[in-house]
Amino acid sequence: MFCAERNAALCVEFVTVRCRPFYLPREFTTAFIFGVYIPPSANAKEALCELYGAISELQNAHPDGLFIFAGDFNHANLPKFHQHVAMRGTNTLDLVYTNIPSAYCAESRPHFGYSDHISVMLIPAYRPLVRRSKTVLKQIKTWPAGATSALQDCFECTDWNMFREAATNGDSINLEEYTTSVTSYISKCINDVTVSKTITTLSNQKPWMTAEVHSLLKSRDSAFRAGDKAALRTARAKLSQAIREAKHKHAQRIHGHFQDSGDSRRMWQGIQVITNYKTTPSACDSDASLPDALNDFYARFEAQNNVAARKTIPPPNDQVLSLSTADVRRTLCRVNPRKSAGPDNIPGRVTVRDSAVWTPRGSSFHHLGARTEKSLDVYLPFTLRDGGTSRAVLVDLSERGAVRGVMRALRCSRVAKSSVVREDGEGGARGLSSDEKMLWSFFPEIFNISLSSTIVPTCLKTATNVPVPKKSTDSCLNGYRPVALTPIVMKCFERLVMKHIKTQLPP
């Protein structure tokens, strides 16, 4: 416990006590209790100025602290704080201020002896934040260490031709069965290597809280209940050290958001963490019939469409669009790795960030650059021939210092300029190996079959509609904005077709 006393001659007298009760709501880091006396003859402005100087110093050092001010203020009032003792007409009583609204409920009690003042009992009325707010449960899917390698092994050992053979009937391929089997198999492999976790987020949870600190908190509470002073002393020491380390790591994570000045997204995330900025999610109606009502509302125009769909017969000399494997691969690698998965349960990181998943281990790549999730068309593949061996190097020219890194790699390998060639040996794009062609061949084949037959598989047309309220309170169906999560594979297919259509339009 820490105690400090300050006196200002003829202005104000107050004493400050800092305490840390064992049971204290987590949103408060500490508690400060002020005992204040302002004489009737004192200058109220000077007294409050002296008092506010001490308060401001402590609030700057402890922004999440609890401040309680009790005493005889006489003709002075303490603004910007909440007063909990009711005034008895024009009579001035001893007042109690706090920085928390509705923290106490005042009740009158009998006089103390022959005193002309009644006693006032303050009953705590504050509800902790953890009880006022609901616990948020969030289901996430994590990629543990080795998940990418396990998924890569799974794809390498897969005979992708069996899906085509199973969907082939004579000379025709059942596009619906072919697409569904491929996407379902990929989703099944992802579910096998990933781990689903349920995260419980409390409203008063600190951002630096870790599992180790949470475990030490339980150990300290157990030692306190058992009354073991030695164990309690040891648990408190370990807890203090763990909290310091957790806060230091959290500060390093925040500093990492501002190291790259070109990444505005990470900088904004750092500012949100520093300012504790949190958006209030809009809550939907809990009525069980709301999804069915929204589906009927969104499909109301389709119900009025009685015209049967007809296919347009293409001209005899019309050439069907054919997509190449390189174009499909380039489009898939441009997908945002943070994009949410659609109904097919294939996330964006499988197609772009973990590009090694789709690359056989025989053609090992060494990325010279931190961000490998960019599209592969900005990477230049070279081969460094050193001592009869060769290795593929993907150089990201958009990274700062990439050219300098290539020259350094050339000097370290002691190779001449003539020994740096493209992977295919002719200065063209890097050729795909046989295993790589097998991995990337089914998506172009599905797209080309869909274009030639003018049929889009049902699994690629499905979407998950998430109703987002336009306002905090919505009473009609038109107040919800439908956000559709479509399959990422279908988005890539649409981009390829759109690119072809744009090339056919006049300038």
Protein backbone atom coordinates (compact mmCIF):
# COMPACT_ATOMS: atom_id res chain seq x y z
CA MET A 1 0.00 0.00 0.00
CA PHE A 2 1.30 3.44 -0.92
CA CYS A 3 0.35 6.62 0.97
CA ALA A 4 1.25 10.23 0.20
CA GLU A 5 0.09 13.41 1.91
CA ARG A 6 0.02 16.94 0.47
CA ASN A 7 -1.01 20.21 2.08
CA ALA A 8 -1.66 23.59 0.51
CA ALA A 9 -1.75 26.43 3.05
CA LEU A 10 -5.24 27.89 3.48
CA CYS A 11 -6.48 26.26 0.23
CA VAL A 12 -6.99 22.52 0.47
CA GLU A 13 -5.91 19.57 2.54
CA PHE A 14 -6.02 16.09 1.08
CA VAL A 15 -4.43 12.69 1.50
CA THR A 16 -4.12 10.07 -1.26
CA VAL A 17 -4.08 6.33 -0.68
CA ARG A 18 -3.40 3.86 -3.46
CA CYS A 19 -4.65 0.34 -2.88
CA ARG A 20 -5.03 -2.82 -4.89
CA PRO A 21 -7.74 -5.07 -3.38
CA PHE A 22 -7.50 -8.74 -4.10
CA TYR A 23 -10.97 -8.79 -5.62
CA LEU A 24 -11.11 -5.92 -8.09
CA PRO A 25 -12.92 -5.82 -11.44
CA ARG A 26 -10.46 -6.52 -14.22
CA GLU A 27 -11.28 -3.27 -16.01
CA PHE A 28 -9.68 -1.38 -13.10
CA THR A 29 -5.92 -1.64 -12.66
CA THR A 30 -5.79 0.07 -9.25
CA ALA A 31 -7.83 2.24 -6.88
CA PHE A 32 -7.05 5.70 -5.50
CA ILE A 33 -8.90 7.09 -2.47
CA PHE A 34 -8.71 10.84 -1.75
CA GLY A 35 -9.62 12.35 1.60
CA VAL A 36 -10.33 16.03 0.91
CA TYR A 37 -11.02 19.02 3.16
CA ILE A 38 -11.55 22.52 1.75
CA PRO A 39 -11.89 25.18 4.48
CA PRO A 40 -14.88 27.55 4.25
CA SER A 41 -12.56 30.57 3.97
CA ALA A 42 -10.45 29.06 1.16
CA ASN A 43 -10.54 30.17 -2.44
CA ALA A 44 -12.47 27.44 -4.23
CA LYS A 45 -10.77 28.05 -7.58
CA GLU A 46 -7.26 27.79 -6.15
CA ALA A 47 -8.20 24.75 -4.08
CA LEU A 48 -9.65 22.88 -7.06
CA CYS A 49 -6.63 23.86 -9.19
CA GLU A 50 -4.29 22.34 -6.62
CA LEU A 51 -6.46 19.23 -6.33
CA TYR A 52 -6.78 18.78 -10.09
CA GLY A 53 -3.01 18.95 -10.49
CA ALA A 54 -2.60 15.87 -8.31
CA ILE A 55 -5.55 14.09 -9.96
CA SER A 56 -4.27 14.70 -13.49
CA GLU A 57 -0.84 13.35 -12.63
CA LEU A 58 -2.31 10.10 -11.32
CA GLN A 59 -4.83 9.72 -14.15
CA ASN A 60 -2.10 10.08 -16.75
CA ALA A 61 -0.08 7.36 -15.02
CA HIS A 62 -3.11 5.09 -14.43
CA PRO A 63 -5.79 5.76 -17.09
CA ASP A 64 -7.78 2.65 -16.10
CA GLY A 65 -7.74 3.34 -12.37
CA LEU A 66 -10.68 3.85 -10.00
CA PHE A 67 -10.73 7.26 -8.28
CA ILE A 68 -12.81 7.94 -5.16
CA PHE A 69 -12.96 11.41 -3.54
CA ALA A 70 -14.60 11.77 -0.13
CA GLY A 71 -14.57 14.69 2.29
CA ASP A 72 -15.86 18.11 3.20
CA PHE A 73 -15.87 20.26 0.06
CA ASN A 74 -17.96 23.10 1.62
CA HIS A 75 -18.70 25.65 -1.12
CA ALA A 76 -16.60 23.89 -3.82
CA ASN A 77 -17.77 21.33 -6.35
CA LEU A 78 -15.68 18.79 -8.23
CA PRO A 79 -16.83 18.85 -11.87
CA LYS A 80 -16.20 16.09 -14.41
CA PHE A 81 -16.80 13.48 -11.68
CA HIS A 82 -19.98 11.81 -10.46
CA GLN A 83 -21.39 12.73 -7.05
CA HIS A 84 -23.21 9.97 -5.13
CA VAL A 85 -24.51 11.72 -1.97
CA ALA A 86 -27.84 13.56 -2.33
CA MET A 87 -27.97 17.16 -1.08
CA ARG A 88 -30.35 17.94 1.81
CA GLY A 89 -31.84 21.18 0.57
CA THR A 90 -29.32 24.01 0.88
CA ASN A 91 -27.35 22.25 3.60
CA THR A 92 -23.87 21.15 2.63
CA LEU A 93 -22.90 17.59 3.46
CA ASP A 94 -19.73 15.62 3.04
CA LEU A 95 -19.65 14.52 -0.58
CA VAL A 96 -18.33 11.47 -2.40
CA TYR A 97 -17.18 11.65 -6.03
CA THR A 98 -16.01 8.87 -8.34
CA ASN A 99 -15.08 8.61 -11.99
CA ILE A 100 -17.64 5.81 -12.47
CA PRO A 101 -21.34 6.70 -12.90
CA SER A 102 -23.79 4.79 -10.68
CA ALA A 103 -20.96 3.24 -8.71
CA TYR A 104 -22.72 3.56 -5.34
CA CYS A 105 -26.22 3.83 -3.95
CA ALA A 106 -26.50 6.14 -0.91
CA GLU A 107 -28.75 5.28 2.04
CA SER A 108 -29.23 7.36 5.20
CA ARG A 109 -28.27 5.96 8.61
CA PRO A 110 -28.65 7.25 12.23
CA HIS A 111 -26.54 10.05 13.70
CA PHE A 112 -23.14 9.44 15.17
CA GLY A 113 -23.62 10.20 18.85
CA TYR A 114 -24.66 13.83 19.41
CA SER A 115 -23.57 14.99 15.95
CA ASP A 116 -25.96 17.11 13.92
CA HIS A 117 -25.02 15.17 10.75
CA ILE A 118 -26.64 11.93 9.79
CA SER A 119 -24.48 9.08 8.52
CA VAL A 120 -24.69 7.95 4.92
CA MET A 121 -23.92 4.41 3.84
CA LEU A 122 -22.74 3.86 0.28
CA ILE A 123 -23.77 0.46 -1.07
CA PRO A 124 -21.81 -0.68 -4.14
CA ALA A 125 -24.11 -0.71 -7.17
CA TYR A 126 -21.47 -1.16 -9.85
CA ARG A 127 -21.81 -4.19 -12.08
CA PRO A 128 -18.55 -5.46 -13.54
CA LEU A 129 -18.14 -5.22 -17.26
CA VAL A 130 -17.95 -8.98 -17.62
CA ARG A 131 -21.49 -9.24 -16.21
CA ARG A 132 -22.93 -6.36 -18.21
CA SER A 133 -21.70 -7.67 -21.56
CA LYS A 134 -22.28 -11.06 -23.10
CA THR A 135 -19.47 -13.48 -23.69
CA VAL A 136 -18.58 -13.72 -27.37
CA LEU A 137 -17.95 -17.21 -28.75
CA LYS A 138 -16.16 -17.36 -32.08
CA GLN A 139 -15.43 -20.46 -34.11
CA ILE A 140 -12.16 -20.22 -36.01
CA LYS A 141 -10.09 -22.60 -38.08
CA THR A 142 -6.36 -22.55 -37.38
CA TRP A 143 -3.46 -23.87 -39.42
CA PRO A 144 -1.03 -25.53 -36.99
CA ALA A 145 2.65 -26.02 -37.69
CA GLY A 146 3.12 -28.51 -40.51
CA ALA A 147 -0.42 -28.13 -41.87
CA THR A 148 0.81 -26.73 -45.18
CA SER A 149 3.28 -29.59 -45.64
CA ALA A 150 0.61 -32.14 -44.75
CA LEU A 151 -1.79 -30.62 -47.27
CA GLN A 152 0.94 -30.61 -49.88
CA ASP A 153 1.67 -34.30 -49.24
CA CYS A 154 -2.04 -35.04 -49.52
CA PHE A 155 -2.29 -33.33 -52.92
CA GLU A 156 0.90 -34.97 -54.19
CA CYS A 157 -0.37 -38.45 -53.33
CA THR A 158 -3.75 -37.84 -54.95
CA ASP A 159 -4.58 -39.33 -58.32
CA TRP A 160 -6.53 -36.43 -59.77
CA ASN A 161 -7.42 -38.42 -62.89
CA MET A 162 -9.76 -40.64 -60.89
CA PHE A 163 -12.23 -37.77 -60.46
CA ARG A 164 -12.41 -37.31 -64.22
CA GLU A 165 -12.73 -41.05 -64.84
CA ALA A 166 -15.48 -41.39 -62.25
CA ALA A 167 -17.46 -38.57 -63.88
CA THR A 168 -16.94 -39.84 -67.44
CA ASN A 169 -19.77 -41.73 -69.09
CA GLY A 170 -18.80 -42.79 -72.56
CA ASP A 171 -17.55 -39.74 -74.43
CA SER A 172 -19.14 -37.14 -72.13
CA ILE A 173 -18.07 -35.85 -68.73
CA ASN A 174 -20.64 -35.10 -66.07
CA LEU A 175 -19.54 -31.59 -65.18
CA GLU A 176 -21.67 -31.43 -62.04
CA GLU A 177 -20.22 -34.62 -60.60
CA TYR A 178 -16.68 -33.73 -61.66
CA THR A 179 -16.73 -30.29 -60.04
CA THR A 180 -18.48 -31.41 -56.87
CA SER A 181 -16.09 -34.30 -56.27
CA VAL A 182 -12.98 -32.13 -56.78
CA THR A 183 -14.11 -29.26 -54.54
CA SER A 184 -15.43 -31.62 -51.88
CA TYR A 185 -12.15 -33.52 -51.81
CA ILE A 186 -10.14 -30.30 -51.44
CA SER A 187 -12.43 -29.19 -48.62
CA LYS A 188 -12.07 -32.56 -46.93
CA CYS A 189 -8.26 -32.36 -47.09
CA ILE A 190 -8.34 -28.86 -45.60
CA ASN A 191 -10.54 -30.05 -42.72
CA ASP A 192 -8.12 -32.90 -42.04
CA VAL A 193 -5.04 -30.69 -41.63
CA THR A 194 -6.69 -27.73 -39.86
CA VAL A 195 -7.95 -27.49 -36.30
CA SER A 196 -11.25 -25.86 -35.33
CA LYS A 197 -11.20 -23.91 -32.09
CA THR A 198 -13.80 -22.03 -30.11
CA ILE A 199 -12.43 -18.74 -28.77
CA THR A 200 -14.17 -17.18 -25.79
CA THR A 201 -13.73 -13.41 -25.69
CA LEU A 202 -14.66 -11.55 -22.53
CA SER A 203 -15.57 -7.89 -22.59
CA ASN A 204 -12.95 -7.01 -19.96
CA GLN A 205 -10.16 -9.14 -21.40
CA LYS A 206 -6.86 -7.34 -21.79
CA PRO A 207 -5.16 -7.46 -25.22
CA TRP A 208 -1.92 -8.77 -23.73
CA MET A 209 -3.62 -11.65 -21.88
CA THR A 210 -2.07 -15.01 -22.74
CA ALA A 211 -2.74 -18.60 -21.75
CA GLU A 212 0.31 -18.57 -19.46
CA VAL A 213 -0.91 -15.50 -17.57
CA HIS A 214 -4.39 -17.00 -17.27
CA SER A 215 -2.92 -20.18 -15.78
CA LEU A 216 -0.81 -18.23 -13.27
CA LEU A 217 -3.89 -16.23 -12.25
CA LYS A 218 -5.65 -19.46 -11.35
CA SER A 219 -2.60 -20.63 -9.39
CA ARG A 220 -2.51 -17.38 -7.41
CA ASP A 221 -6.24 -17.61 -6.60
CA SER A 222 -5.85 -21.22 -5.46
CA ALA A 223 -2.95 -20.28 -3.17
CA PHE A 224 -4.96 -17.38 -1.73
CA ARG A 225 -7.97 -19.57 -0.95
CA ALA A 226 -5.76 -22.23 0.61
CA GLY A 227 -4.12 -19.67 2.92
CA ASP A 228 -0.60 -20.77 1.98
CA LYS A 229 1.49 -17.59 2.35
CA ALA A 230 4.67 -19.06 0.83
CA ALA A 231 2.84 -20.42 -2.21
CA LEU A 232 0.96 -17.13 -2.59
CA ARG A 233 4.20 -15.15 -2.51
CA THR A 234 5.75 -17.39 -5.17
CA ALA A 235 2.61 -17.29 -7.35
CA ARG A 236 2.50 -13.49 -7.19
CA ALA A 237 6.14 -13.21 -8.21
CA LYS A 238 5.67 -15.55 -11.17
CA LEU A 239 2.48 -13.75 -12.18
CA SER A 240 4.14 -10.33 -12.12
CA GLN A 241 7.01 -11.58 -14.28
CA ALA A 242 4.63 -13.24 -16.77
CA ILE A 243 2.53 -10.06 -17.03
CA ARG A 244 5.63 -7.96 -17.73
CA GLU A 245 6.75 -10.36 -20.46
CA ALA A 246 3.26 -10.49 -21.99
CA LYS A 247 3.02 -6.69 -22.04
CA HIS A 248 6.48 -6.44 -23.61
CA LYS A 249 5.54 -8.89 -26.39
CA HIS A 250 2.28 -7.03 -26.95
CA ALA A 251 4.18 -3.74 -27.28
CA GLN A 252 6.53 -5.35 -29.82
CA ARG A 253 3.54 -6.53 -31.86
CA ILE A 254 2.14 -2.99 -31.88
CA HIS A 255 5.50 -1.56 -32.96
CA GLY A 256 5.59 -4.07 -35.80
CA HIS A 257 2.48 -2.47 -37.30
CA PHE A 258 4.42 0.75 -37.98
CA GLN A 259 7.66 -0.66 -39.38
CA ASP A 260 6.42 -0.75 -42.98
CA SER A 261 5.15 2.72 -43.89
CA GLY A 262 3.74 1.43 -47.18
CA ASP A 263 1.30 -0.98 -45.51
CA SER A 264 -1.55 1.31 -44.51
CA ARG A 265 -3.72 -1.60 -43.39
CA ARG A 266 -1.30 -2.73 -40.67
CA MET A 267 -0.74 0.87 -39.58
CA TRP A 268 -4.47 1.37 -39.16
CA GLN A 269 -4.67 -1.87 -37.16
CA GLY A 270 -1.94 -0.56 -34.86
CA ILE A 271 -3.81 2.70 -34.34
CA GLN A 272 -6.99 0.77 -33.51
CA VAL A 273 -5.12 -1.28 -30.90
CA ILE A 274 -3.54 1.81 -29.31
CA THR A 275 -6.81 3.75 -29.15
CA ASN A 276 -8.87 0.65 -28.21
CA TYR A 277 -11.19 1.35 -31.14
CA LYS A 278 -13.89 -1.27 -31.45
CA THR A 279 -16.88 -1.22 -33.74
CA THR A 280 -20.21 -2.24 -32.30
CA PRO A 281 -21.58 -5.07 -34.45
CA SER A 282 -25.19 -4.75 -35.45
CA ALA A 283 -27.39 -7.45 -34.01
CA CYS A 284 -29.97 -9.24 -36.13
CA ASP A 285 -33.40 -10.29 -34.96
CA SER A 286 -33.32 -13.56 -33.05
CA ASP A 287 -36.55 -14.78 -34.64
CA ALA A 288 -36.09 -18.26 -36.11
CA SER A 289 -38.34 -17.46 -39.08
CA LEU A 290 -36.16 -14.52 -40.19
CA PRO A 291 -33.88 -16.57 -42.55
CA ASP A 292 -36.86 -18.01 -44.45
CA ALA A 293 -38.51 -14.59 -44.66
CA LEU A 294 -35.29 -13.03 -46.00
CA ASN A 295 -34.86 -15.80 -48.59
CA ASP A 296 -38.38 -15.19 -49.88
CA PHE A 297 -37.78 -11.44 -49.85
CA TYR A 298 -34.52 -11.63 -51.79
CA ALA A 299 -35.99 -14.10 -54.33
CA ARG A 300 -39.24 -12.17 -54.88
CA PHE A 301 -38.23 -11.12 -58.39
CA GLU A 302 -37.41 -14.69 -59.42
CA ALA A 303 -40.89 -15.80 -58.40
CA GLN A 304 -42.40 -13.39 -60.92
CA ASN A 305 -40.16 -14.62 -63.75
CA ASN A 306 -42.20 -17.19 -65.69
CA VAL A 307 -40.07 -17.16 -68.85
CA ALA A 308 -38.18 -20.39 -69.34
CA ALA A 309 -34.46 -20.07 -69.89
CA ARG A 310 -33.28 -20.84 -73.41
CA LYS A 311 -29.81 -21.40 -74.73
CA THR A 312 -28.70 -19.33 -77.68
CA ILE A 313 -27.37 -21.45 -80.51
CA PRO A 314 -23.86 -20.17 -81.34
CA PRO A 315 -22.89 -19.56 -84.98
CA PRO A 316 -21.16 -22.44 -86.79
CA ASN A 317 -17.88 -20.55 -87.11
CA ASP A 318 -17.93 -19.32 -83.51
CA GLN A 319 -14.81 -20.25 -81.54
CA VAL A 320 -15.37 -21.22 -77.91
CA LEU A 321 -13.19 -19.47 -75.34
CA SER A 322 -10.44 -21.76 -74.06
CA LEU A 323 -8.52 -20.94 -70.88
CA SER A 324 -4.91 -21.95 -70.45
CA THR A 325 -3.38 -23.46 -67.34
CA ALA A 326 -1.04 -20.50 -66.89
CA ASP A 327 -3.92 -18.00 -66.95
CA VAL A 328 -5.94 -19.98 -64.41
CA ARG A 329 -2.96 -20.38 -62.12
CA ARG A 330 -2.09 -16.69 -62.31
CA THR A 331 -5.67 -15.72 -61.48
CA LEU A 332 -5.86 -18.11 -58.52
CA CYS A 333 -2.60 -16.76 -57.12
CA ARG A 334 -3.97 -13.21 -57.21
CA VAL A 335 -6.73 -14.03 -54.74
CA ASN A 336 -6.59 -12.12 -51.48
CA PRO A 337 -5.36 -14.62 -48.84
CA ARG A 338 -7.67 -13.05 -46.25
CA LYS A 339 -10.78 -13.60 -48.36
CA SER A 340 -13.44 -15.64 -46.62
CA ALA A 341 -14.32 -19.04 -47.93
CA GLY A 342 -17.60 -19.62 -49.68
CA PRO A 343 -19.92 -22.63 -49.45
CA ASP A 344 -17.15 -24.82 -50.91
CA ASN A 345 -15.04 -24.18 -47.76
CA ILE A 346 -11.90 -23.40 -49.80
CA PRO A 347 -10.17 -20.35 -48.24
CA GLY A 348 -8.08 -17.84 -50.13
CA ARG A 349 -4.80 -18.87 -48.50
CA VAL A 350 -4.97 -22.28 -50.19
CA THR A 351 -4.85 -20.63 -53.64
CA VAL A 352 -2.36 -17.85 -52.98
CA ARG A 353 -0.56 -17.54 -49.68
CA ASP A 354 0.29 -21.22 -49.42
CA SER A 355 1.25 -21.43 -53.06
CA ALA A 356 3.73 -24.12 -52.03
CA VAL A 357 0.70 -26.36 -51.46
CA TRP A 358 0.22 -26.51 -55.20
CA THR A 359 3.95 -26.78 -55.97
CA PRO A 360 5.60 -30.22 -55.89
CA ARG A 361 8.59 -30.58 -53.61
CA GLY A 362 10.80 -31.57 -56.51
CA SER A 363 10.66 -28.03 -57.90
CA SER A 364 11.77 -26.28 -54.71
CA PHE A 365 11.48 -22.51 -54.77
CA HIS A 366 13.39 -20.08 -52.58
CA HIS A 367 11.55 -16.80 -52.16
CA LEU A 368 13.74 -13.72 -51.93
CA GLY A 369 11.19 -11.46 -50.25
CA ALA A 370 8.94 -11.40 -47.25
CA ARG A 371 5.54 -11.34 -48.92
CA THR A 372 4.94 -14.44 -51.01
CA GLU A 373 1.21 -13.93 -51.34
CA LYS A 374 1.52 -11.64 -54.37
CA SER A 375 0.69 -12.84 -57.83
CA LEU A 376 3.33 -14.97 -59.48
CA ASP A 377 3.46 -12.84 -62.62
CA VAL A 378 5.54 -10.22 -60.77
CA TYR A 379 8.08 -12.87 -59.76
CA LEU A 380 10.87 -13.66 -62.20
CA PRO A 381 12.05 -17.27 -62.00
CA PHE A 382 15.80 -17.78 -62.59
CA THR A 383 18.12 -20.73 -62.27
CA LEU A 384 21.46 -20.36 -60.51
CA ARG A 385 23.85 -22.97 -61.80
CA ASP A 386 26.43 -23.51 -59.10
CA GLY A 387 28.75 -26.50 -59.19
CA GLY A 388 26.54 -28.48 -61.51
CA THR A 389 23.39 -28.03 -59.38
CA SER A 390 20.49 -25.74 -60.08
CA ARG A 391 17.81 -24.24 -57.91
CA ALA A 392 14.82 -22.07 -58.76
CA VAL A 393 14.70 -18.60 -57.26
CA LEU A 394 11.55 -16.46 -57.33
CA VAL A 395 12.53 -12.79 -57.23
CA ASP A 396 9.87 -10.24 -56.31
CA LEU A 397 10.84 -7.06 -58.14
CA SER A 398 8.31 -5.03 -56.13
CA GLU A 399 10.14 -5.73 -52.87
CA ARG A 400 12.55 -3.06 -51.71
CA GLY A 401 16.13 -4.13 -52.37
CA ALA A 402 15.11 -7.11 -54.51
CA VAL A 403 17.57 -6.31 -57.31
CA ARG A 404 20.35 -5.85 -54.77
CA GLY A 405 19.45 -9.21 -53.25
CA VAL A 406 19.67 -10.92 -56.65
CA MET A 407 23.10 -9.44 -57.33
CA ARG A 408 24.27 -10.53 -53.89
CA ALA A 409 23.00 -14.05 -54.57
CA LEU A 410 24.84 -14.08 -57.88
CA ARG A 411 28.08 -12.98 -56.25
CA CYS A 412 27.74 -15.58 -53.51
CA SER A 413 27.13 -18.31 -56.04
CA ARG A 414 30.09 -17.09 -58.14
CA VAL A 415 28.24 -17.49 -61.39
CA ALA A 416 28.68 -15.42 -64.49
CA LYS A 417 25.98 -13.41 -66.15
CA SER A 418 25.67 -15.98 -68.89
CA SER A 419 24.81 -18.70 -66.37
CA VAL A 420 21.60 -16.95 -65.29
CA VAL A 421 18.87 -18.26 -67.55
CA ARG A 422 15.14 -18.67 -67.41
CA GLU A 423 13.77 -21.92 -66.12
CA ASP A 424 12.69 -23.05 -69.55
CA GLY A 425 16.12 -22.22 -71.04
CA GLU A 426 14.67 -19.92 -73.71
CA GLY A 427 13.85 -16.78 -71.76
CA GLY A 428 10.14 -17.56 -71.67
CA ALA A 429 7.87 -18.30 -68.75
CA ARG A 430 8.79 -21.10 -66.39
CA GLY A 431 7.51 -24.44 -67.62
CA LEU A 432 5.42 -26.64 -65.37
CA SER A 433 6.63 -30.05 -64.36
CA SER A 434 4.51 -33.12 -64.93
CA ASP A 435 3.33 -33.26 -61.31
CA GLU A 436 2.58 -29.55 -61.33
CA LYS A 437 0.53 -29.87 -64.51
CA MET A 438 -1.45 -32.63 -62.89
CA LEU A 439 -2.22 -30.47 -59.85
CA TRP A 440 -3.33 -27.47 -61.89
CA SER A 441 -5.02 -29.21 -64.81
CA PHE A 442 -8.45 -29.97 -63.33
CA PHE A 443 -9.49 -26.35 -62.76
CA PRO A 444 -8.78 -25.27 -66.38
CA GLU A 445 -10.50 -28.41 -67.60
CA ILE A 446 -13.59 -27.70 -65.49
CA PHE A 447 -13.70 -24.12 -66.75
CA ASN A 448 -13.28 -25.13 -70.39
CA ILE A 449 -15.98 -27.82 -70.14
CA SER A 450 -18.30 -25.25 -68.58
CA LEU A 451 -17.62 -22.78 -71.41
CA SER A 452 -18.08 -25.34 -74.17
CA SER A 453 -21.29 -26.78 -72.73
CA THR A 454 -22.61 -23.36 -71.53
CA ILE A 455 -23.39 -24.90 -68.14
CA VAL A 456 -22.20 -23.64 -64.78
CA PRO A 457 -22.00 -26.30 -62.02
CA THR A 458 -24.50 -25.85 -59.22
CA CYS A 459 -21.82 -26.00 -56.52
CA LEU A 460 -20.15 -22.93 -58.08
CA LYS A 461 -23.41 -20.98 -58.28
CA THR A 462 -24.35 -21.43 -54.64
CA ALA A 463 -23.64 -18.62 -52.18
CA THR A 464 -24.00 -17.97 -48.48
CA ASN A 465 -25.98 -14.78 -47.86
CA VAL A 466 -25.16 -12.99 -44.62
CA PRO A 467 -27.80 -10.36 -43.68
CA VAL A 468 -26.07 -7.24 -42.35
CA PRO A 469 -28.39 -4.67 -40.72
CA LYS A 470 -28.15 -1.24 -42.33
CA LYS A 471 -28.94 0.40 -38.99
CA SER A 472 -28.62 -0.61 -35.36
CA THR A 473 -32.35 -1.36 -35.14
CA ASP A 474 -34.20 -2.73 -38.16
CA SER A 475 -37.88 -3.58 -38.18
CA CYS A 476 -38.38 -4.46 -41.88
CA LEU A 477 -36.81 -6.92 -44.27
CA ASN A 478 -35.51 -4.14 -46.49
CA GLY A 479 -33.32 -3.00 -43.59
CA TYR A 480 -30.91 -5.92 -44.11
CA ARG A 481 -28.16 -5.79 -46.70
CA PRO A 482 -27.38 -9.22 -48.18
CA VAL A 483 -23.65 -9.94 -48.34
CA ALA A 484 -23.04 -12.97 -50.56
CA LEU A 485 -20.03 -15.25 -49.99
CA THR A 486 -19.47 -17.03 -53.30
CA PRO A 487 -16.90 -19.74 -54.00
CA ILE A 488 -13.42 -18.36 -54.66
CA VAL A 489 -13.02 -20.69 -57.63
CA MET A 490 -16.11 -19.16 -59.25
CA LYS A 491 -14.74 -15.65 -58.67
CA CYS A 492 -11.55 -16.59 -60.51
CA PHE A 493 -13.62 -18.07 -63.33
CA GLU A 494 -15.60 -14.84 -63.63
CA ARG A 495 -12.40 -12.76 -63.70
CA LEU A 496 -11.03 -14.84 -66.58
CA VAL A 497 -14.23 -14.48 -68.60
CA MET A 498 -14.43 -10.76 -67.83
CA LYS A 499 -10.85 -10.29 -69.01
CA HIS A 500 -11.71 -11.95 -72.32
CA ILE A 501 -14.85 -9.84 -72.74
CA LYS A 502 -12.89 -6.63 -72.15
CA THR A 503 -10.44 -7.56 -74.88
CA GLN A 504 -13.32 -7.89 -77.37
CA LEU A 505 -14.79 -4.48 -76.58
CA PRO A 506 -13.82 -1.47 -78.68
CA PRO A 507 -11.38 0.97 -77.09
